[in-house]
Structures are given as C-alpha cells and as structure tokens.
Amino acid sequence: MGAASSLGAVVNAFDARQEGADPVESMGGAFLRPDLEGLDIGPSADGYVPDMGEEFNRRTADMYREVVPSVDIIVTTATGG
C-alpha cells in the first residue's frame, strides 16, 4: 500500500478490525468505514475476526457497491470459513 500510495495511486483498504485503520492511514491509504452503528463487533479473544453476522455482511456489501465502480484494481486476502 505504501508503494502504491508513493507512486500516486489512491489507496483504500478495509478490515473488519477497526484497529486496522492506523497502519493503513500511516501508509497514505484511506481506511474504508461502513456504517456499523448499532452492531456489536468487538474483537475476539484470539485477535482474529469472529463471525460478524449477516447484518455486518450486508452493510459491508453496501459499502463495496459504492466503492468498487470507482477503482481500477482490487486486492483481496483469503477469509476463513
């Protein structure tokens, strides 16, 4: 992300863990924040993201529907399950 940002790319990133915002922003990226108001999304004891549930998935999908049409490249990581 840092290299892409330094080359002039607009970098956006999302992680279900809100503590992921600091590293993204420190590398020049924008941390995407879906509307999660009213959801209980605390971290798990082991540091991994617990199953967030259907409402979380719906809200993040809404966010992606807004963001995806305006980007040229999307990089994803594997998810558990």
PDB file of N, CA and C in Angstrom:
ATOM      1  N   MET A   1       0.818  -1.173   0.000  1.00  0.00           N
ATOM      2  CA  MET A   1       0.000   0.000   0.000  1.00  0.00           C
ATOM      3  C   MET A   1       0.866   1.242   0.000  1.00  0.00           C
ATOM      4  N   GLY A   2       1.918   1.210   0.773  1.00  0.00           N
ATOM      5  CA  GLY A   2       2.798   2.370   0.829  1.00  0.00           C
ATOM      6  C   GLY A   2       3.432   2.673  -0.521  1.00  0.00           C
ATOM      7  N   ALA A   3       3.872   1.618  -1.226  1.00  0.00           N
ATOM      8  CA  ALA A   3       4.492   1.823  -2.537  1.00  0.00           C
ATOM      9  C   ALA A   3       3.481   2.380  -3.529  1.00  0.00           C
ATOM     10  N   ALA A   4       2.281   1.821  -3.540  1.00  0.00           N
ATOM     11  CA  ALA A   4       1.246   2.309  -4.454  1.00  0.00           C
ATOM     12  C   ALA A   4       0.914   3.765  -4.163  1.00  0.00           C
ATOM     13  N   SER A   5       0.787   4.092  -2.894  1.00  0.00           N
ATOM     14  CA  SER A   5       0.489   5.469  -2.499  1.00  0.00           C
ATOM     15  C   SER A   5       1.616   6.414  -2.913  1.00  0.00           C
ATOM     16  N   SER A   6       2.864   5.984  -2.722  1.00  0.00           N
ATOM     17  CA  SER A   6       4.001   6.848  -3.074  1.00  0.00           C
ATOM     18  C   SER A   6       4.106   7.059  -4.582  1.00  0.00           C
ATOM     19  N   LEU A   7       3.527   6.138  -5.364  1.00  0.00           N
ATOM     20  CA  LEU A   7       3.523   6.280  -6.823  1.00  0.00           C
ATOM     21  C   LEU A   7       2.318   7.056  -7.332  1.00  0.00           C
ATOM     22  N   GLY A   8       1.496   7.538  -6.411  1.00  0.00           N
ATOM     23  CA  GLY A   8       0.366   8.375  -6.798  1.00  0.00           C
ATOM     24  C   GLY A   8      -0.973   7.683  -6.853  1.00  0.00           C
ATOM     25  N   ALA A   9      -1.031   6.416  -6.517  1.00  0.00           N
ATOM     26  CA  ALA A   9      -2.308   5.704  -6.530  1.00  0.00           C
ATOM     27  C   ALA A   9      -3.175   6.149  -5.358  1.00  0.00           C
ATOM     28  N   VAL A  10      -4.460   6.110  -5.565  1.00  0.00           N
ATOM     29  CA  VAL A  10      -5.403   6.327  -4.473  1.00  0.00           C
ATOM     30  C   VAL A  10      -5.633   4.960  -3.847  1.00  0.00           C
ATOM     31  N   VAL A  11      -5.264   4.808  -2.589  1.00  0.00           N
ATOM     32  CA  VAL A  11      -5.324   3.513  -1.919  1.00  0.00           C
ATOM     33  C   VAL A  11      -6.404   3.544  -0.848  1.00  0.00           C
ATOM     34  N   ASN A  12      -7.334   2.597  -0.941  1.00  0.00           N
ATOM     35  CA  ASN A  12      -8.373   2.399   0.064  1.00  0.00           C
ATOM     36  C   ASN A  12      -8.222   0.994   0.612  1.00  0.00           C
ATOM     37  N   ALA A  13      -8.533   0.812   1.879  1.00  0.00           N
ATOM     38  CA  ALA A  13      -8.445  -0.515   2.476  1.00  0.00           C
ATOM     39  C   ALA A  13      -9.550  -0.691   3.503  1.00  0.00           C
ATOM     40  N   PHE A  14      -9.925  -1.950   3.701  1.00  0.00           N
ATOM     41  CA  PHE A  14     -10.929  -2.272   4.706  1.00  0.00           C
ATOM     42  C   PHE A  14     -10.499  -3.518   5.453  1.00  0.00           C
ATOM     43  N   ASP A  15     -10.753  -3.514   6.741  1.00  0.00           N
ATOM     44  CA  ASP A  15     -10.556  -4.680   7.592  1.00  0.00           C
ATOM     45  C   ASP A  15     -11.685  -4.648   8.606  1.00  0.00           C
ATOM     46  N   ALA A  16     -12.230  -5.793   8.923  1.00  0.00           N
ATOM     47  CA  ALA A  16     -13.317  -5.849   9.905  1.00  0.00           C
ATOM     48  C   ALA A  16     -12.850  -5.374  11.273  1.00  0.00           C
ATOM     49  N   ARG A  17     -11.552  -5.475  11.520  1.00  0.00           N
ATOM     50  CA  ARG A  17     -10.995  -4.978  12.780  1.00  0.00           C
ATOM     51  C   ARG A  17     -10.676  -3.493  12.623  1.00  0.00           C
ATOM     52  N   GLN A  18     -11.322  -2.663  13.388  1.00  0.00           N
ATOM     53  CA  GLN A  18     -11.121  -1.223  13.265  1.00  0.00           C
ATOM     54  C   GLN A  18      -9.702  -0.791  13.608  1.00  0.00           C
ATOM     55  N   GLU A  19      -8.981  -1.601  14.388  1.00  0.00           N
ATOM     56  CA  GLU A  19      -7.596  -1.253  14.688  1.00  0.00           C
ATOM     57  C   GLU A  19      -6.712  -1.333  13.453  1.00  0.00           C
ATOM     58  N   GLY A  20      -7.239  -1.864  12.371  1.00  0.00           N
ATOM     59  CA  GLY A  20      -6.501  -1.889  11.109  1.00  0.00           C
ATOM     60  C   GLY A  20      -6.381  -0.527  10.458  1.00  0.00           C
ATOM     61  N   ALA A  21      -7.119   0.448  10.940  1.00  0.00           N
ATOM     62  CA  ALA A  21      -7.103   1.784  10.341  1.00  0.00           C
ATOM     63  C   ALA A  21      -5.744   2.469  10.459  1.00  0.00           C
ATOM     64  N   ASP A  22      -5.106   2.378  11.604  1.00  0.00           N
ATOM     65  CA  ASP A  22      -3.837   3.095  11.807  1.00  0.00           C
ATOM     66  C   ASP A  22      -2.748   2.688  10.819  1.00  0.00           C
ATOM     67  N   PRO A  23      -2.504   1.389  10.622  1.00  0.00           N
ATOM     68  CA  PRO A  23      -1.466   1.025   9.647  1.00  0.00           C
ATOM     69  C   PRO A  23      -1.804   1.480   8.225  1.00  0.00           C
ATOM     70  N   VAL A  24      -3.067   1.375   7.852  1.00  0.00           N
ATOM     71  CA  VAL A  24      -3.482   1.803   6.505  1.00  0.00           C
ATOM     72  C   VAL A  24      -3.222   3.295   6.337  1.00  0.00           C
ATOM     73  N   GLU A  25      -3.672   4.073   7.289  1.00  0.00           N
ATOM     74  CA  GLU A  25      -3.538   5.520   7.186  1.00  0.00           C
ATOM     75  C   GLU A  25      -2.083   5.966   7.294  1.00  0.00           C
ATOM     76  N   SER A  26      -1.266   5.238   8.057  1.00  0.00           N
ATOM     77  CA  SER A  26       0.145   5.613   8.174  1.00  0.00           C
ATOM     78  C   SER A  26       0.900   5.381   6.874  1.00  0.00           C
ATOM     79  N   MET A  27       0.357   4.529   5.986  1.00  0.00           N
ATOM     80  CA  MET A  27       0.986   4.293   4.683  1.00  0.00           C
ATOM     81  C   MET A  27       0.358   5.138   3.579  1.00  0.00           C
ATOM     82  N   GLY A  28      -0.474   6.098   3.966  1.00  0.00           N
ATOM     83  CA  GLY A  28      -1.062   7.002   2.974  1.00  0.00           C
ATOM     84  C   GLY A  28      -2.383   6.546   2.409  1.00  0.00           C
ATOM     85  N   GLY A  29      -2.949   5.479   2.937  1.00  0.00           N
ATOM     86  CA  GLY A  29      -4.221   4.986   2.438  1.00  0.00           C
ATOM     87  C   GLY A  29      -5.395   5.545   3.227  1.00  0.00           C
ATOM     88  N   ALA A  30      -6.570   5.353   2.676  1.00  0.00           N
ATOM     89  CA  ALA A  30      -7.807   5.726   3.356  1.00  0.00           C
ATOM     90  C   ALA A  30      -8.470   4.445   3.850  1.00  0.00           C
ATOM     91  N   PHE A  31      -8.829   4.428   5.101  1.00  0.00           N
ATOM     92  CA  PHE A  31      -9.479   3.256   5.678  1.00  0.00           C
ATOM     93  C   PHE A  31     -10.983   3.381   5.467  1.00  0.00           C
ATOM     94  N   LEU A  32     -11.555   2.425   4.770  1.00  0.00           N
ATOM     95  CA  LEU A  32     -12.989   2.450   4.495  1.00  0.00           C
ATOM     96  C   LEU A  32     -13.760   2.033   5.740  1.00  0.00           C
ATOM     97  N   ARG A  33     -14.799   2.784   6.045  1.00  0.00           N
ATOM     98  CA  ARG A  33     -15.594   2.515   7.243  1.00  0.00           C
ATOM     99  C   ARG A  33     -17.063   2.412   6.871  1.00  0.00           C
ATOM    100  N   PRO A  34     -17.582   1.192   6.795  1.00  0.00           N
ATOM    101  CA  PRO A  34     -19.021   1.062   6.544  1.00  0.00           C
ATOM    102  C   PRO A  34     -19.793   1.523   7.777  1.00  0.00           C
ATOM    103  N   ASP A  35     -21.065   1.772   7.598  1.00  0.00           N
ATOM    104  CA  ASP A  35     -21.923   2.157   8.722  1.00  0.00           C
ATOM    105  C   ASP A  35     -22.142   0.928   9.591  1.00  0.00           C
ATOM    106  N   LEU A  36     -21.504   0.907  10.737  1.00  0.00           N
ATOM    107  CA  LEU A  36     -21.614  -0.228  11.652  1.00  0.00           C
ATOM    108  C   LEU A  36     -22.329   0.150  12.941  1.00  0.00           C
ATOM    109  N   GLU A  37     -22.968   1.310  12.946  1.00  0.00           N
ATOM    110  CA  GLU A  37     -23.661   1.774  14.142  1.00  0.00           C
ATOM    111  C   GLU A  37     -24.691   0.747  14.610  1.00  0.00           C
ATOM    112  N   GLY A  38     -24.651   0.465  15.898  1.00  0.00           N
ATOM    113  CA  GLY A  38     -25.609  -0.459  16.494  1.00  0.00           C
ATOM    114  C   GLY A  38     -25.203  -1.917  16.448  1.00  0.00           C
ATOM    115  N   LEU A  39     -24.081  -2.232  15.793  1.00  0.00           N
ATOM    116  CA  LEU A  39     -23.632  -3.623  15.725  1.00  0.00           C
ATOM    117  C   LEU A  39     -22.610  -3.893  16.822  1.00  0.00           C
ATOM    118  N   ASP A  40     -22.665  -5.072  17.401  1.00  0.00           N
ATOM    119  CA  ASP A  40     -21.684  -5.491  18.396  1.00  0.00           C
ATOM    120  C   ASP A  40     -20.563  -6.204  17.652  1.00  0.00           C
ATOM    121  N   ILE A  41     -19.449  -5.504  17.434  1.00  0.00           N
ATOM    122  CA  ILE A  41     -18.372  -6.069  16.616  1.00  0.00           C
ATOM    123  C   ILE A  41     -17.039  -6.048  17.346  1.00  0.00           C
ATOM    124  N   GLY A  42     -17.061  -6.348  18.606  1.00  0.00           N
ATOM    125  CA  GLY A  42     -15.833  -6.367  19.387  1.00  0.00           C
ATOM    126  C   GLY A  42     -14.884  -7.450  18.923  1.00  0.00           C
ATOM    127  N   PRO A  43     -13.597  -7.292  19.238  1.00  0.00           N
ATOM    128  CA  PRO A  43     -12.599  -8.286  18.825  1.00  0.00           C
ATOM    129  C   PRO A  43     -12.759  -9.596  19.589  1.00  0.00           C
ATOM    130  N   SER A  44     -12.275 -10.654  19.002  1.00  0.00           N
ATOM    131  CA  SER A  44     -12.280 -11.946  19.681  1.00  0.00           C
ATOM    132  C   SER A  44     -11.086 -12.024  20.619  1.00  0.00           C
ATOM    133  N   ALA A  45     -11.094 -12.991  21.498  1.00  0.00           N
ATOM    134  CA  ALA A  45     -10.007 -13.152  22.468  1.00  0.00           C
ATOM    135  C   ALA A  45      -8.684 -13.504  21.794  1.00  0.00           C
ATOM    136  N   ASP A  46      -8.737 -14.176  20.631  1.00  0.00           N
ATOM    137  CA  ASP A  46      -7.502 -14.591  19.975  1.00  0.00           C
ATOM    138  C   ASP A  46      -6.995 -13.589  18.939  1.00  0.00           C
ATOM    139  N   GLY A  47      -7.689 -12.456  18.778  1.00  0.00           N
ATOM    140  CA  GLY A  47      -7.238 -11.437  17.848  1.00  0.00           C
ATOM    141  C   GLY A  47      -7.753 -11.596  16.434  1.00  0.00           C
ATOM    142  N   TYR A  48      -8.370 -12.730  16.145  1.00  0.00           N
ATOM    143  CA  TYR A  48      -8.953 -12.934  14.827  1.00  0.00           C
ATOM    144  C   TYR A  48     -10.368 -12.382  14.812  1.00  0.00           C
ATOM    145  N   VAL A  49     -10.853 -12.127  13.630  1.00  0.00           N
ATOM    146  CA  VAL A  49     -12.202 -11.588  13.499  1.00  0.00           C
ATOM    147  C   VAL A  49     -13.208 -12.720  13.683  1.00  0.00           C
ATOM    148  N   PRO A  50     -14.145 -12.558  14.622  1.00  0.00           N
ATOM    149  CA  PRO A  50     -15.178 -13.578  14.786  1.00  0.00           C
ATOM    150  C   PRO A  50     -16.200 -13.475  13.657  1.00  0.00           C
ATOM    151  N   ASP A  51     -17.088 -14.429  13.554  1.00  0.00           N
ATOM    152  CA  ASP A  51     -18.173 -14.349  12.578  1.00  0.00           C
ATOM    153  C   ASP A  51     -18.969 -13.089  12.883  1.00  0.00           C
ATOM    154  N   MET A  52     -19.044 -12.191  11.924  1.00  0.00           N
ATOM    155  CA  MET A  52     -19.658 -10.887  12.165  1.00  0.00           C
ATOM    156  C   MET A  52     -21.174 -10.885  11.937  1.00  0.00           C
ATOM    157  N   GLY A  53     -21.694 -11.872  11.262  1.00  0.00           N
ATOM    158  CA  GLY A  53     -23.131 -11.956  11.080  1.00  0.00           C
ATOM    159  C   GLY A  53     -23.630 -11.329   9.783  1.00  0.00           C
ATOM    160  N   GLU A  54     -24.870 -11.618   9.488  1.00  0.00           N
ATOM    161  CA  GLU A  54     -25.475 -11.199   8.219  1.00  0.00           C
ATOM    162  C   GLU A  54     -25.607  -9.681   8.089  1.00  0.00           C
ATOM    163  N   GLU A  55     -25.936  -8.998   9.159  1.00  0.00           N
ATOM    164  CA  GLU A  55     -26.107  -7.542   9.070  1.00  0.00           C
ATOM    165  C   GLU A  55     -24.776  -6.858   8.763  1.00  0.00           C
ATOM    166  N   PHE A  56     -23.708  -7.312   9.387  1.00  0.00           N
ATOM    167  CA  PHE A  56     -22.379  -6.783   9.079  1.00  0.00           C
ATOM    168  C   PHE A  56     -22.055  -7.036   7.608  1.00  0.00           C
ATOM    169  N   ASN A  57     -22.309  -8.244   7.132  1.00  0.00           N
ATOM    170  CA  ASN A  57     -22.028  -8.590   5.744  1.00  0.00           C
ATOM    171  C   ASN A  57     -22.843  -7.725   4.784  1.00  0.00           C
ATOM    172  N   ARG A  58     -24.098  -7.461   5.121  1.00  0.00           N
ATOM    173  CA  ARG A  58     -24.943  -6.623   4.267  1.00  0.00           C
ATOM    174  C   ARG A  58     -24.396  -5.200   4.198  1.00  0.00           C
ATOM    175  N   ARG A  59     -24.009  -4.677   5.347  1.00  0.00           N
ATOM    176  CA  ARG A  59     -23.507  -3.296   5.380  1.00  0.00           C
ATOM    177  C   ARG A  59     -22.167  -3.153   4.661  1.00  0.00           C
ATOM    178  N   THR A  60     -21.301  -4.132   4.802  1.00  0.00           N
ATOM    179  CA  THR A  60     -20.026  -4.045   4.083  1.00  0.00           C
ATOM    180  C   THR A  60     -20.256  -4.221   2.579  1.00  0.00           C
ATOM    181  N   ALA A  61     -21.200  -5.071   2.189  1.00  0.00           N
ATOM    182  CA  ALA A  61     -21.528  -5.222   0.768  1.00  0.00           C
ATOM    183  C   ALA A  61     -22.057  -3.904   0.207  1.00  0.00           C
ATOM    184  N   ASP A  62     -22.864  -3.196   0.991  1.00  0.00           N
ATOM    185  CA  ASP A  62     -23.355  -1.879   0.559  1.00  0.00           C
ATOM    186  C   ASP A  62     -22.186  -0.929   0.325  1.00  0.00           C
ATOM    187  N   MET A  63     -21.212  -0.956   1.231  1.00  0.00           N
ATOM    188  CA  MET A  63     -20.036  -0.105   1.086  1.00  0.00           C
ATOM    189  C   MET A  63     -19.277  -0.464  -0.192  1.00  0.00           C
ATOM    190  N   TYR A  64     -19.085  -1.757  -0.430  1.00  0.00           N
ATOM    191  CA  TYR A  64     -18.368  -2.179  -1.637  1.00  0.00           C
ATOM    192  C   TYR A  64     -19.113  -1.751  -2.900  1.00  0.00           C
ATOM    193  N   ARG A  65     -20.422  -1.826  -2.898  1.00  0.00           N
ATOM    194  CA  ARG A  65     -21.200  -1.403  -4.072  1.00  0.00           C
ATOM    195  C   ARG A  65     -20.956   0.065  -4.407  1.00  0.00           C
ATOM    196  N   GLU A  66     -20.704   0.866  -3.398  1.00  0.00           N
ATOM    197  CA  GLU A  66     -20.409   2.281  -3.633  1.00  0.00           C
ATOM    198  C   GLU A  66     -18.978   2.494  -4.109  1.00  0.00           C
ATOM    199  N   VAL A  67     -18.031   1.749  -3.552  1.00  0.00           N
ATOM    200  CA  VAL A  67     -16.607   1.992  -3.806  1.00  0.00           C
ATOM    201  C   VAL A  67     -16.107   1.314  -5.077  1.00  0.00           C
ATOM    202  N   VAL A  68     -16.488   0.088  -5.315  1.00  0.00           N
ATOM    203  CA  VAL A  68     -15.911  -0.726  -6.390  1.00  0.00           C
ATOM    204  C   VAL A  68     -16.016  -0.090  -7.778  1.00  0.00           C
ATOM    205  N   PRO A  69     -17.128   0.526  -8.156  1.00  0.00           N
ATOM    206  CA  PRO A  69     -17.178   1.087  -9.515  1.00  0.00           C
ATOM    207  C   PRO A  69     -16.145   2.173  -9.800  1.00  0.00           C
ATOM    208  N   SER A  70     -15.577   2.775  -8.773  1.00  0.00           N
ATOM    209  CA  SER A  70     -14.649   3.882  -8.996  1.00  0.00           C
ATOM    210  C   SER A  70     -13.180   3.490  -8.899  1.00  0.00           C
ATOM    211  N   VAL A  71     -12.874   2.191  -8.788  1.00  0.00           N
ATOM    212  CA  VAL A  71     -11.478   1.773  -8.658  1.00  0.00           C
ATOM    213  C   VAL A  71     -11.034   0.959  -9.868  1.00  0.00           C
ATOM    214  N   ASP A  72      -9.730   0.914 -10.063  1.00  0.00           N
ATOM    215  CA  ASP A  72      -9.161   0.154 -11.174  1.00  0.00           C
ATOM    216  C   ASP A  72      -8.672  -1.226 -10.772  1.00  0.00           C
ATOM    217  N   ILE A  73      -8.216  -1.370  -9.525  1.00  0.00           N
ATOM    218  CA  ILE A  73      -7.657  -2.635  -9.059  1.00  0.00           C
ATOM    219  C   ILE A  73      -8.196  -2.937  -7.673  1.00  0.00           C
ATOM    220  N   ILE A  74      -8.517  -4.206  -7.438  1.00  0.00           N
ATOM    221  CA  ILE A  74      -8.948  -4.655  -6.114  1.00  0.00           C
ATOM    222  C   ILE A  74      -8.059  -5.820  -5.716  1.00  0.00           C
ATOM    223  N   VAL A  75      -7.502  -5.736  -4.527  1.00  0.00           N
ATOM    224  CA  VAL A  75      -6.678  -6.815  -3.983  1.00  0.00           C
ATOM    225  C   VAL A  75      -7.377  -7.324  -2.753  1.00  0.00           C
ATOM    226  N   THR A  76      -7.568  -8.615  -2.661  1.00  0.00           N
ATOM    227  CA  THR A  76      -8.227  -9.201  -1.501  1.00  0.00           C
ATOM    228  C   THR A  76      -7.325 -10.228  -0.842  1.00  0.00           C
ATOM    229  N   THR A  77      -7.692 -10.603   0.362  1.00  0.00           N
ATOM    230  CA  THR A  77      -6.982 -11.674   1.051  1.00  0.00           C
ATOM    231  C   THR A  77      -7.964 -12.792   1.328  1.00  0.00           C
ATOM    232  N   ALA A  78      -7.452 -13.937   1.658  1.00  0.00           N
ATOM    233  CA  ALA A  78      -8.290 -15.084   1.953  1.00  0.00           C
ATOM    234  C   ALA A  78      -9.060 -14.850   3.245  1.00  0.00           C
ATOM    235  N   THR A  79     -10.219 -15.470   3.312  1.00  0.00           N
ATOM    236  CA  THR A  79     -11.003 -15.413   4.548  1.00  0.00           C
ATOM    237  C   THR A  79     -11.162 -16.814   5.084  1.00  0.00           C
ATOM    238  N   GLY A  80     -11.414 -16.874   6.362  1.00  0.00           N
ATOM    239  CA  GLY A  80     -11.656 -18.186   6.973  1.00  0.00           C
ATOM    240  C   GLY A  80     -13.036 -18.693   6.607  1.00  0.00           C
ATOM    241  N   GLY A  81     -13.307 -19.887   6.962  1.00  0.00           N
ATOM    242  CA  GLY A  81     -14.666 -20.351   6.729  1.00  0.00           C
ATOM    243  C   GLY A  81     -14.736 -21.583   6.043  1.00  0.00           C
TER     244      GLY A  81
END
